[in-house]
C-alpha atoms as a PDB file:
ATOM      1  CA  UNK A   1      15.657 -11.004  42.166  1.00  0.00           C
ATOM      2  CA  UNK A   2      18.679 -12.539  40.483  1.00  0.00           C
ATOM      3  CA  UNK A   3      17.709 -14.460  37.352  1.00  0.00           C
ATOM      4  CA  UNK A   4      21.104 -15.795  36.374  1.00  0.00           C
ATOM      5  CA  UNK A   5      24.790 -15.015  36.213  1.00  0.00           C
ATOM      6  CA  UNK A   6      26.144 -14.187  32.759  1.00  0.00           C
ATOM      7  CA  UNK A   7      29.749 -15.280  32.156  1.00  0.00           C
ATOM      8  CA  UNK A   8      32.107 -12.329  31.739  1.00  0.00           C
ATOM      9  CA  UNK A   9      32.922 -12.290  28.032  1.00  0.00           C
ATOM     10  CA  UNK A  10      34.410  -9.332  26.131  1.00  0.00           C
ATOM     11  CA  UNK A  11      32.551 -10.490  23.018  1.00  0.00           C
ATOM     12  CA  UNK A  12      29.269  -9.392  24.635  1.00  0.00           C
ATOM     13  CA  UNK A  13      30.515  -5.785  24.714  1.00  0.00           C
ATOM     14  CA  UNK A  14      32.140  -5.995  21.291  1.00  0.00           C
ATOM     15  CA  UNK A  15      28.969  -7.377  19.738  1.00  0.00           C
ATOM     16  CA  UNK A  16      26.828  -4.801  21.521  1.00  0.00           C
ATOM     17  CA  UNK A  17      29.035  -1.976  20.269  1.00  0.00           C
ATOM     18  CA  UNK A  18      28.884  -3.379  16.733  1.00  0.00           C
ATOM     19  CA  UNK A  19      25.108  -3.902  16.864  1.00  0.00           C
ATOM     20  CA  UNK A  20      25.397  -7.686  16.632  1.00  0.00           C
ATOM     21  CA  UNK A  21      24.209  -9.410  19.822  1.00  0.00           C
ATOM     22  CA  UNK A  22      26.250 -12.329  21.142  1.00  0.00           C
ATOM     23  CA  UNK A  23      23.242 -14.624  20.650  1.00  0.00           C
ATOM     24  CA  UNK A  24      23.516 -13.914  16.906  1.00  0.00           C
ATOM     25  CA  UNK A  25      27.291 -13.626  16.523  1.00  0.00           C
ATOM     26  CA  UNK A  26      28.227 -16.612  18.698  1.00  0.00           C
ATOM     27  CA  UNK A  27      25.051 -18.528  19.551  1.00  0.00           C
ATOM     28  CA  UNK A  28      27.044 -21.480  20.916  1.00  0.00           C
ATOM     29  CA  UNK A  29      28.890 -19.383  23.514  1.00  0.00           C
ATOM     30  CA  UNK A  30      28.217 -19.658  27.256  1.00  0.00           C
ATOM     31  CA  UNK A  31      27.165 -16.011  27.373  1.00  0.00           C
ATOM     32  CA  UNK A  32      24.607 -16.500  24.597  1.00  0.00           C
ATOM     33  CA  UNK A  33      23.223 -19.593  26.327  1.00  0.00           C
ATOM     34  CA  UNK A  34      22.941 -17.671  29.608  1.00  0.00           C
ATOM     35  CA  UNK A  35      21.131 -14.771  27.921  1.00  0.00           C
ATOM     36  CA  UNK A  36      18.706 -17.143  26.189  1.00  0.00           C
ATOM     37  CA  UNK A  37      18.024 -18.841  29.531  1.00  0.00           C
ATOM     38  CA  UNK A  38      17.354 -15.474  31.187  1.00  0.00           C
ATOM     39  CA  UNK A  39      14.932 -14.532  28.404  1.00  0.00           C
ATOM     40  CA  UNK A  40      13.129 -17.860  28.710  1.00  0.00           C
ATOM     41  CA  UNK A  41      12.891 -17.643  32.508  1.00  0.00           C
ATOM     42  CA  UNK A  42      11.643 -14.055  32.361  1.00  0.00           C
ATOM     43  CA  UNK A  43       9.093 -14.950  29.685  1.00  0.00           C
ATOM     44  CA  UNK A  44       7.794 -17.860  31.786  1.00  0.00           C
ATOM     45  CA  UNK A  45       7.496 -15.652  34.863  1.00  0.00           C
ATOM     46  CA  UNK A  46       5.605 -12.941  32.967  1.00  0.00           C
ATOM     47  CA  UNK A  47       3.252 -15.522  31.455  1.00  0.00           C
ATOM     48  CA  UNK A  48       2.591 -17.123  34.846  1.00  0.00           C
ATOM     49  CA  UNK A  49       1.941 -13.752  36.451  1.00  0.00           C
ATOM     50  CA  UNK A  50      -0.457 -12.695  33.688  1.00  0.00           C
ATOM     51  CA  UNK A  51      -2.366 -15.989  34.042  1.00  0.00           C
ATOM     52  CA  UNK A  52      -2.683 -15.402  37.794  1.00  0.00           C
ATOM     53  CA  UNK A  53      -3.884 -11.824  37.386  1.00  0.00           C
ATOM     54  CA  UNK A  54      -6.089 -12.507  34.358  1.00  0.00           C
ATOM     55  CA  UNK A  55      -5.204  -9.184  32.792  1.00  0.00           C
ATOM     56  CA  UNK A  56      -7.122  -8.609  29.566  1.00  0.00           C
ATOM     57  CA  UNK A  57      -5.390  -5.382  28.629  1.00  0.00           C
ATOM     58  CA  UNK A  58      -2.467  -3.305  29.683  1.00  0.00           C
ATOM     59  CA  UNK A  59      -3.362   0.360  30.120  1.00  0.00           C
ATOM     60  CA  UNK A  60      -1.178   2.623  28.021  1.00  0.00           C
ATOM     61  CA  UNK A  61      -1.000   6.367  28.479  1.00  0.00           C
ATOM     62  CA  UNK A  62       0.203   8.404  25.504  1.00  0.00           C
ATOM     63  CA  UNK A  63       2.138  11.499  26.490  1.00  0.00           C
ATOM     64  CA  UNK A  64       2.606  14.085  23.780  1.00  0.00           C
END
């Protein structure tokens, strides 16, 4: 499933390499807006799915 297209922007790579995400370094950029939209869409889809499935807990297996 394709959530969205992120504009090709070298600042995304530069910020990632420097440890400063584009949404922090240049929050007004098209790339930052696209990434925020993806996060919001994904969050909404996860919330809707969890409401449908009525999951009370997520099983976690610890591997040592």
